Amino acid sequence: MLIRSQDKSRLISLNNTRELRFWECAQGFNITDCVCPIGHYSTREKAMKVLDMIQEAYINGHIDYQMPEDGSVEV
């Protein structure tokens, strides 16, 4: 599955990525592929929700996933 970064500047192959995780930064939480941030969210809950959404897309056989903007993630 391919993941397009939130700012649309990166396309990441989930098949070549060891892990996706989120970490706290000064302005909230970034989701990263262990190299560069691919999305930024205002709360831990939103970052966790996006990881859940990526997992669901992968399980359902989607071939691509666009990282959502912070304002469109409902927890």
N, C-alpha and C. Protein backbone atom coordinates (compact mmCIF):
# COMPACT_ATOMS: atom_id res chain seq x y z
N MET A 1 0.85 -1.17 0.00
CA MET A 1 0.00 0.00 0.00
C MET A 1 0.90 1.24 0.00
N LEU A 2 0.48 2.25 -0.74
CA LEU A 2 1.19 3.52 -0.78
C LEU A 2 0.49 4.53 0.13
N ILE A 3 1.28 5.31 0.86
CA ILE A 3 0.74 6.35 1.73
C ILE A 3 1.28 7.69 1.24
N ARG A 4 0.36 8.61 0.95
CA ARG A 4 0.74 9.96 0.52
C ARG A 4 0.80 10.85 1.75
N SER A 5 1.89 11.58 1.91
CA SER A 5 2.05 12.44 3.08
C SER A 5 0.98 13.52 3.11
N GLN A 6 0.76 14.05 4.29
CA GLN A 6 -0.27 15.06 4.52
C GLN A 6 -0.07 16.28 3.62
N ASP A 7 1.18 16.68 3.42
CA ASP A 7 1.44 17.84 2.56
C ASP A 7 1.61 17.45 1.09
N LYS A 8 1.39 16.17 0.79
CA LYS A 8 1.43 15.61 -0.56
C LYS A 8 2.82 15.60 -1.19
N SER A 9 3.87 15.86 -0.43
CA SER A 9 5.22 15.93 -0.97
C SER A 9 5.95 14.58 -0.96
N ARG A 10 5.38 13.57 -0.28
CA ARG A 10 6.05 12.27 -0.18
C ARG A 10 5.06 11.15 -0.46
N LEU A 11 5.55 10.11 -1.09
CA LEU A 11 4.79 8.89 -1.33
C LEU A 11 5.60 7.75 -0.73
N ILE A 12 5.04 7.07 0.26
CA ILE A 12 5.75 6.05 1.01
C ILE A 12 5.14 4.69 0.72
N SER A 13 5.98 3.71 0.42
CA SER A 13 5.50 2.34 0.24
C SER A 13 5.48 1.67 1.61
N LEU A 14 4.30 1.26 2.04
CA LEU A 14 4.19 0.59 3.33
C LEU A 14 4.94 -0.74 3.31
N ASN A 15 5.10 -1.34 2.13
CA ASN A 15 5.82 -2.61 2.02
C ASN A 15 7.31 -2.46 2.32
N ASN A 16 7.85 -1.25 2.15
CA ASN A 16 9.27 -1.01 2.39
C ASN A 16 9.53 -0.25 3.68
N THR A 17 8.52 -0.10 4.51
CA THR A 17 8.63 0.66 5.75
C THR A 17 8.56 -0.29 6.94
N ARG A 18 9.50 -0.17 7.84
CA ARG A 18 9.49 -1.04 9.03
C ARG A 18 8.32 -0.75 9.93
N GLU A 19 8.04 0.54 10.14
CA GLU A 19 6.96 0.90 11.05
C GLU A 19 6.50 2.32 10.80
N LEU A 20 5.26 2.57 11.19
CA LEU A 20 4.73 3.92 11.29
C LEU A 20 4.45 4.14 12.77
N ARG A 21 4.81 5.31 13.26
CA ARG A 21 4.54 5.60 14.68
C ARG A 21 4.33 7.09 14.84
N PHE A 22 3.81 7.46 16.01
CA PHE A 22 3.66 8.89 16.27
C PHE A 22 4.50 9.26 17.48
N TRP A 23 4.93 10.50 17.49
CA TRP A 23 5.73 11.02 18.59
C TRP A 23 5.33 12.45 18.86
N GLU A 24 5.48 12.83 20.11
CA GLU A 24 5.08 14.17 20.54
C GLU A 24 6.12 15.19 20.11
N CYS A 25 5.64 16.32 19.60
CA CYS A 25 6.51 17.44 19.26
C CYS A 25 5.93 18.69 19.92
N ALA A 26 6.54 19.82 19.72
CA ALA A 26 6.12 21.05 20.40
C ALA A 26 4.68 21.45 20.08
N GLN A 27 4.23 21.22 18.85
CA GLN A 27 2.89 21.65 18.44
C GLN A 27 1.85 20.52 18.41
N GLY A 28 2.19 19.34 18.88
CA GLY A 28 1.21 18.24 18.86
C GLY A 28 1.91 16.91 18.65
N PHE A 29 1.45 16.15 17.65
CA PHE A 29 1.96 14.81 17.41
C PHE A 29 2.21 14.61 15.92
N ASN A 30 3.39 14.08 15.57
CA ASN A 30 3.71 13.75 14.20
C ASN A 30 3.63 12.26 14.00
N ILE A 31 3.10 11.84 12.86
CA ILE A 31 3.20 10.45 12.45
C ILE A 31 4.38 10.38 11.50
N THR A 32 5.25 9.40 11.71
CA THR A 32 6.48 9.30 10.94
C THR A 32 6.71 7.87 10.47
N ASP A 33 7.47 7.74 9.39
CA ASP A 33 7.90 6.43 8.92
C ASP A 33 9.30 6.11 9.45
N CYS A 34 9.67 6.71 10.56
CA CYS A 34 10.97 6.59 11.23
C CYS A 34 12.06 7.40 10.54
N VAL A 35 11.73 8.12 9.48
CA VAL A 35 12.69 8.98 8.81
C VAL A 35 12.18 10.42 8.82
N CYS A 36 11.00 10.63 8.26
CA CYS A 36 10.42 11.97 8.13
C CYS A 36 8.95 11.95 8.54
N PRO A 37 8.47 13.05 9.08
CA PRO A 37 7.03 13.13 9.39
C PRO A 37 6.19 13.06 8.12
N ILE A 38 5.08 12.33 8.19
CA ILE A 38 4.16 12.26 7.04
C ILE A 38 2.80 12.84 7.39
N GLY A 39 2.61 13.22 8.65
CA GLY A 39 1.36 13.86 9.06
C GLY A 39 1.52 14.48 10.43
N HIS A 40 0.76 15.55 10.69
CA HIS A 40 0.82 16.24 11.98
C HIS A 40 -0.59 16.39 12.53
N TYR A 41 -0.77 16.06 13.83
CA TYR A 41 -2.08 16.10 14.46
C TYR A 41 -1.99 16.79 15.81
N SER A 42 -3.06 17.47 16.17
CA SER A 42 -3.06 18.32 17.36
C SER A 42 -3.13 17.53 18.66
N THR A 43 -3.64 16.30 18.62
CA THR A 43 -3.77 15.51 19.85
C THR A 43 -3.28 14.08 19.63
N ARG A 44 -2.94 13.43 20.73
CA ARG A 44 -2.53 12.03 20.70
C ARG A 44 -3.67 11.17 20.15
N GLU A 45 -4.89 11.48 20.54
CA GLU A 45 -6.05 10.70 20.11
C GLU A 45 -6.24 10.76 18.59
N LYS A 46 -6.02 11.94 18.02
CA LYS A 46 -6.15 12.07 16.56
C LYS A 46 -5.05 11.28 15.84
N ALA A 47 -3.83 11.35 16.35
CA ALA A 47 -2.73 10.59 15.74
C ALA A 47 -3.02 9.09 15.82
N MET A 48 -3.51 8.62 16.96
CA MET A 48 -3.85 7.21 17.11
C MET A 48 -4.98 6.82 16.16
N LYS A 49 -5.97 7.68 16.01
CA LYS A 49 -7.09 7.42 15.10
C LYS A 49 -6.59 7.27 13.66
N VAL A 50 -5.65 8.12 13.24
CA VAL A 50 -5.11 8.03 11.89
C VAL A 50 -4.36 6.71 11.70
N LEU A 51 -3.58 6.29 12.69
CA LEU A 51 -2.92 4.98 12.59
C LEU A 51 -3.95 3.87 12.48
N ASP A 52 -5.05 3.97 13.22
CA ASP A 52 -6.14 2.99 13.10
C ASP A 52 -6.72 2.99 11.69
N MET A 53 -6.88 4.18 11.11
CA MET A 53 -7.44 4.30 9.76
C MET A 53 -6.49 3.70 8.72
N ILE A 54 -5.19 3.88 8.89
CA ILE A 54 -4.21 3.28 7.98
C ILE A 54 -4.28 1.76 8.09
N GLN A 55 -4.35 1.24 9.32
CA GLN A 55 -4.45 -0.20 9.52
C GLN A 55 -5.70 -0.75 8.85
N GLU A 56 -6.82 -0.09 9.01
CA GLU A 56 -8.07 -0.53 8.40
C GLU A 56 -7.97 -0.53 6.87
N ALA A 57 -7.38 0.52 6.31
CA ALA A 57 -7.22 0.59 4.86
C ALA A 57 -6.35 -0.56 4.36
N TYR A 58 -5.28 -0.87 5.08
CA TYR A 58 -4.38 -1.97 4.70
C TYR A 58 -5.11 -3.31 4.76
N ILE A 59 -5.82 -3.54 5.84
CA ILE A 59 -6.56 -4.80 6.02
C ILE A 59 -7.61 -4.98 4.92
N ASN A 60 -8.23 -3.87 4.52
CA ASN A 60 -9.28 -3.93 3.50
C ASN A 60 -8.74 -3.93 2.08
N GLY A 61 -7.42 -4.02 1.92
CA GLY A 61 -6.82 -4.18 0.60
C GLY A 61 -6.69 -2.91 -0.23
N HIS A 62 -6.76 -1.75 0.40
CA HIS A 62 -6.58 -0.51 -0.35
C HIS A 62 -5.16 -0.43 -0.90
N ILE A 63 -5.01 0.18 -2.07
CA ILE A 63 -3.67 0.30 -2.64
C ILE A 63 -3.02 1.64 -2.31
N ASP A 64 -3.84 2.60 -1.86
CA ASP A 64 -3.27 3.89 -1.47
C ASP A 64 -4.07 4.49 -0.31
N TYR A 65 -3.42 5.45 0.36
CA TYR A 65 -4.04 6.12 1.50
C TYR A 65 -3.50 7.53 1.57
N GLN A 66 -4.38 8.51 1.62
CA GLN A 66 -3.99 9.92 1.76
C GLN A 66 -4.07 10.31 3.23
N MET A 67 -2.97 10.79 3.79
CA MET A 67 -2.98 11.24 5.18
C MET A 67 -3.95 12.41 5.31
N PRO A 68 -4.94 12.31 6.22
CA PRO A 68 -5.93 13.38 6.35
C PRO A 68 -5.38 14.60 7.09
N GLU A 69 -6.00 15.73 6.83
CA GLU A 69 -5.68 16.95 7.57
C GLU A 69 -6.18 16.81 9.01
N ASP A 70 -5.57 17.51 9.93
CA ASP A 70 -5.94 17.45 11.34
C ASP A 70 -7.43 17.73 11.55
N GLY A 71 -7.96 18.75 10.89
CA GLY A 71 -9.34 19.15 11.09
C GLY A 71 -10.37 18.15 10.62
N SER A 72 -9.97 17.20 9.77
CA SER A 72 -10.94 16.23 9.27
C SER A 72 -10.96 14.93 10.07
N VAL A 73 -10.11 14.80 11.10
CA VAL A 73 -10.06 13.59 11.93
C VAL A 73 -10.97 13.79 13.13
N GLU A 74 -11.98 12.93 13.24
CA GLU A 74 -12.91 12.99 14.38
C GLU A 74 -12.62 11.84 15.33
N VAL A 75 -12.49 12.17 16.61
CA VAL A 75 -12.24 11.12 17.62
C VAL A 75 -13.42 11.00 18.55
